[in-house]
Structure formats: structure tokens, C-alpha cells
Amino acid sequence: MLLLYRDYVDGHDITAVERAFQLARSSACTCVKDIKERLMAEGYAANQISGRVLSKQLAALIKARHA
């Protein structure tokens, strides 16, 4: 069920992972640490942003912005 992964209770209509990818593509964050801090400030559970593969994907998006 897709609804189980949505954070409607806290007023978010996208998951923390989806928001992390949005932030990586935007100019709002310059590293994965910035993404996690921004997620926490927005009320997301930043602990959902973990793992080497996800961190590499986010870092690659950030790096691609500067290419």
C-alpha cells in the first residue's frame, strides 16, 4: 500500500527519500549532510536517509548540478 509510505500525519505529501532527491537536485543543499539537516528542519525523519547507495546517489545529483 503506497499510503503507508506517505507522511500525511505530519503534513507532508511526499516521503523523506523523495524530498531528499528534490533537495539534491535543487541548489538548496551542497552535500548529503545539508540534505539531512534540511529534512529535519522541515519535520522529516532524516534517519530514513541512510545507506551507502542512497548517499552516493544524492551526492552524484549534487555533483551533477555543478558540472
N, C-alpha and C. Protein backbone atom coordinates (compact mmCIF):
# COMPACT_ATOMS: atom_id res chain seq x y z
N MET A 1 0.84 -1.18 0.00
CA MET A 1 0.00 0.00 0.00
C MET A 1 0.88 1.25 0.00
N LEU A 2 0.75 2.04 -0.99
CA LEU A 2 1.55 3.25 -1.11
C LEU A 2 1.28 4.23 0.02
N LEU A 3 0.08 4.29 0.49
CA LEU A 3 -0.27 5.25 1.54
C LEU A 3 0.51 5.02 2.84
N LEU A 4 0.96 3.80 3.06
CA LEU A 4 1.73 3.53 4.26
C LEU A 4 3.07 4.27 4.26
N TYR A 5 3.58 4.61 3.10
CA TYR A 5 4.87 5.26 3.00
C TYR A 5 4.76 6.78 2.98
N ARG A 6 3.57 7.29 2.95
CA ARG A 6 3.37 8.74 2.92
C ARG A 6 3.29 9.26 4.34
N ASP A 7 3.74 10.47 4.54
CA ASP A 7 3.78 11.06 5.87
C ASP A 7 2.68 12.12 5.98
N TYR A 8 1.44 11.72 5.74
CA TYR A 8 0.34 12.67 5.78
C TYR A 8 0.08 13.18 7.20
N VAL A 9 0.41 12.41 8.19
CA VAL A 9 0.16 12.79 9.57
C VAL A 9 0.89 14.08 9.91
N ASP A 10 2.11 14.22 9.44
CA ASP A 10 2.89 15.42 9.73
C ASP A 10 2.74 16.49 8.67
N GLY A 11 1.80 16.32 7.77
CA GLY A 11 1.53 17.32 6.76
C GLY A 11 2.37 17.24 5.51
N HIS A 12 3.13 16.18 5.34
CA HIS A 12 3.95 16.01 4.15
C HIS A 12 3.21 15.12 3.16
N ASP A 13 3.27 15.49 1.91
CA ASP A 13 2.64 14.64 0.91
C ASP A 13 3.65 13.85 0.08
N ILE A 14 4.94 13.94 0.43
CA ILE A 14 5.97 13.12 -0.18
C ILE A 14 6.84 12.53 0.92
N THR A 15 7.50 11.44 0.61
CA THR A 15 8.34 10.78 1.61
C THR A 15 9.64 11.54 1.81
N ALA A 16 10.36 11.19 2.86
CA ALA A 16 11.65 11.81 3.14
C ALA A 16 12.63 11.53 2.01
N VAL A 17 12.59 10.34 1.44
CA VAL A 17 13.51 9.99 0.35
C VAL A 17 13.19 10.83 -0.88
N GLU A 18 11.92 10.98 -1.20
CA GLU A 18 11.54 11.81 -2.35
C GLU A 18 11.99 13.26 -2.14
N ARG A 19 11.80 13.76 -0.94
CA ARG A 19 12.21 15.14 -0.64
C ARG A 19 13.73 15.27 -0.72
N ALA A 20 14.45 14.25 -0.27
CA ALA A 20 15.91 14.28 -0.35
C ALA A 20 16.37 14.41 -1.80
N PHE A 21 15.73 13.69 -2.70
CA PHE A 21 16.09 13.79 -4.12
C PHE A 21 15.75 15.17 -4.67
N GLN A 22 14.65 15.73 -4.24
CA GLN A 22 14.32 17.10 -4.66
C GLN A 22 15.40 18.08 -4.21
N LEU A 23 15.81 17.95 -2.96
CA LEU A 23 16.82 18.85 -2.41
C LEU A 23 18.16 18.67 -3.11
N ALA A 24 18.51 17.41 -3.44
CA ALA A 24 19.77 17.15 -4.13
C ALA A 24 19.79 17.81 -5.51
N ARG A 25 18.63 17.86 -6.15
CA ARG A 25 18.54 18.47 -7.48
C ARG A 25 18.48 20.00 -7.43
N SER A 26 18.10 20.52 -6.28
CA SER A 26 17.97 21.97 -6.14
C SER A 26 19.30 22.56 -5.69
N SER A 27 19.36 23.86 -5.61
CA SER A 27 20.59 24.49 -5.14
C SER A 27 20.57 24.72 -3.63
N ALA A 28 19.57 24.16 -2.95
CA ALA A 28 19.41 24.39 -1.51
C ALA A 28 20.46 23.69 -0.66
N CYS A 29 21.02 22.59 -1.16
CA CYS A 29 21.96 21.80 -0.36
C CYS A 29 23.22 21.51 -1.16
N THR A 30 24.35 21.52 -0.47
CA THR A 30 25.62 21.30 -1.14
C THR A 30 26.27 19.96 -0.80
N CYS A 31 25.66 19.21 0.14
CA CYS A 31 26.17 17.89 0.50
C CYS A 31 25.03 17.10 1.15
N VAL A 32 25.27 15.81 1.33
CA VAL A 32 24.24 14.94 1.92
C VAL A 32 23.92 15.38 3.35
N LYS A 33 24.92 15.83 4.07
CA LYS A 33 24.69 16.33 5.44
C LYS A 33 23.71 17.50 5.43
N ASP A 34 23.86 18.40 4.46
CA ASP A 34 22.93 19.53 4.33
C ASP A 34 21.50 19.04 4.07
N ILE A 35 21.38 18.00 3.25
CA ILE A 35 20.06 17.43 2.95
C ILE A 35 19.42 16.92 4.22
N LYS A 36 20.18 16.17 5.01
CA LYS A 36 19.63 15.61 6.26
C LYS A 36 19.22 16.72 7.22
N GLU A 37 20.03 17.76 7.32
CA GLU A 37 19.70 18.88 8.21
C GLU A 37 18.43 19.59 7.73
N ARG A 38 18.32 19.78 6.44
CA ARG A 38 17.13 20.44 5.88
C ARG A 38 15.89 19.59 6.11
N LEU A 39 16.01 18.27 5.92
CA LEU A 39 14.88 17.38 6.15
C LEU A 39 14.40 17.47 7.60
N MET A 40 15.33 17.47 8.54
CA MET A 40 14.95 17.58 9.95
C MET A 40 14.26 18.91 10.21
N ALA A 41 14.78 19.98 9.62
CA ALA A 41 14.17 21.31 9.81
C ALA A 41 12.75 21.35 9.24
N GLU A 42 12.50 20.55 8.21
CA GLU A 42 11.17 20.50 7.60
C GLU A 42 10.25 19.50 8.28
N GLY A 43 10.76 18.80 9.30
CA GLY A 43 9.93 17.87 10.05
C GLY A 43 9.96 16.44 9.57
N TYR A 44 10.88 16.12 8.69
CA TYR A 44 11.03 14.74 8.22
C TYR A 44 11.96 13.98 9.15
N ALA A 45 11.87 12.66 9.10
CA ALA A 45 12.78 11.80 9.85
C ALA A 45 14.02 11.57 8.99
N ALA A 46 15.08 12.26 9.28
CA ALA A 46 16.30 12.19 8.47
C ALA A 46 16.97 10.83 8.56
N ASN A 47 16.63 10.04 9.57
CA ASN A 47 17.23 8.70 9.68
C ASN A 47 16.79 7.78 8.54
N GLN A 48 15.79 8.20 7.78
CA GLN A 48 15.37 7.42 6.60
C GLN A 48 16.37 7.59 5.47
N ILE A 49 17.23 8.59 5.57
CA ILE A 49 18.25 8.84 4.55
C ILE A 49 19.54 8.21 5.05
N SER A 50 19.68 6.93 4.77
CA SER A 50 20.85 6.20 5.24
C SER A 50 21.26 5.17 4.19
N GLY A 51 22.43 4.69 4.34
CA GLY A 51 22.94 3.69 3.41
C GLY A 51 23.87 4.29 2.39
N ARG A 52 24.86 3.51 2.04
CA ARG A 52 25.90 3.96 1.12
C ARG A 52 25.36 4.25 -0.28
N VAL A 53 24.48 3.40 -0.79
CA VAL A 53 23.98 3.57 -2.15
C VAL A 53 23.15 4.85 -2.26
N LEU A 54 22.25 5.08 -1.32
CA LEU A 54 21.42 6.28 -1.36
C LEU A 54 22.29 7.53 -1.22
N SER A 55 23.24 7.50 -0.32
CA SER A 55 24.13 8.65 -0.14
C SER A 55 24.92 8.94 -1.42
N LYS A 56 25.38 7.89 -2.10
CA LYS A 56 26.11 8.08 -3.35
C LYS A 56 25.20 8.66 -4.43
N GLN A 57 23.96 8.21 -4.49
CA GLN A 57 23.02 8.74 -5.48
C GLN A 57 22.77 10.23 -5.24
N LEU A 58 22.55 10.60 -4.00
CA LEU A 58 22.31 12.00 -3.68
C LEU A 58 23.53 12.85 -3.97
N ALA A 59 24.71 12.34 -3.59
CA ALA A 59 25.95 13.08 -3.85
C ALA A 59 26.18 13.25 -5.35
N ALA A 60 25.85 12.24 -6.13
CA ALA A 60 26.02 12.33 -7.58
C ALA A 60 25.09 13.40 -8.17
N LEU A 61 23.88 13.50 -7.66
CA LEU A 61 22.96 14.55 -8.14
C LEU A 61 23.48 15.93 -7.79
N ILE A 62 24.01 16.07 -6.60
CA ILE A 62 24.57 17.36 -6.18
C ILE A 62 25.76 17.70 -7.09
N LYS A 63 26.62 16.74 -7.32
CA LYS A 63 27.81 16.98 -8.16
C LYS A 63 27.40 17.32 -9.59
N ALA A 64 26.38 16.66 -10.11
CA ALA A 64 25.92 16.91 -11.48
C ALA A 64 25.41 18.33 -11.66
N ARG A 65 24.89 18.91 -10.61
CA ARG A 65 24.42 20.30 -10.68
C ARG A 65 25.57 21.25 -10.99
N HIS A 66 26.75 20.90 -10.51
CA HIS A 66 27.91 21.77 -10.65
C HIS A 66 28.70 21.49 -11.93
N ALA A 67 28.31 20.48 -12.66
CA ALA A 67 29.05 20.12 -13.89
C ALA A 67 28.65 20.99 -15.06
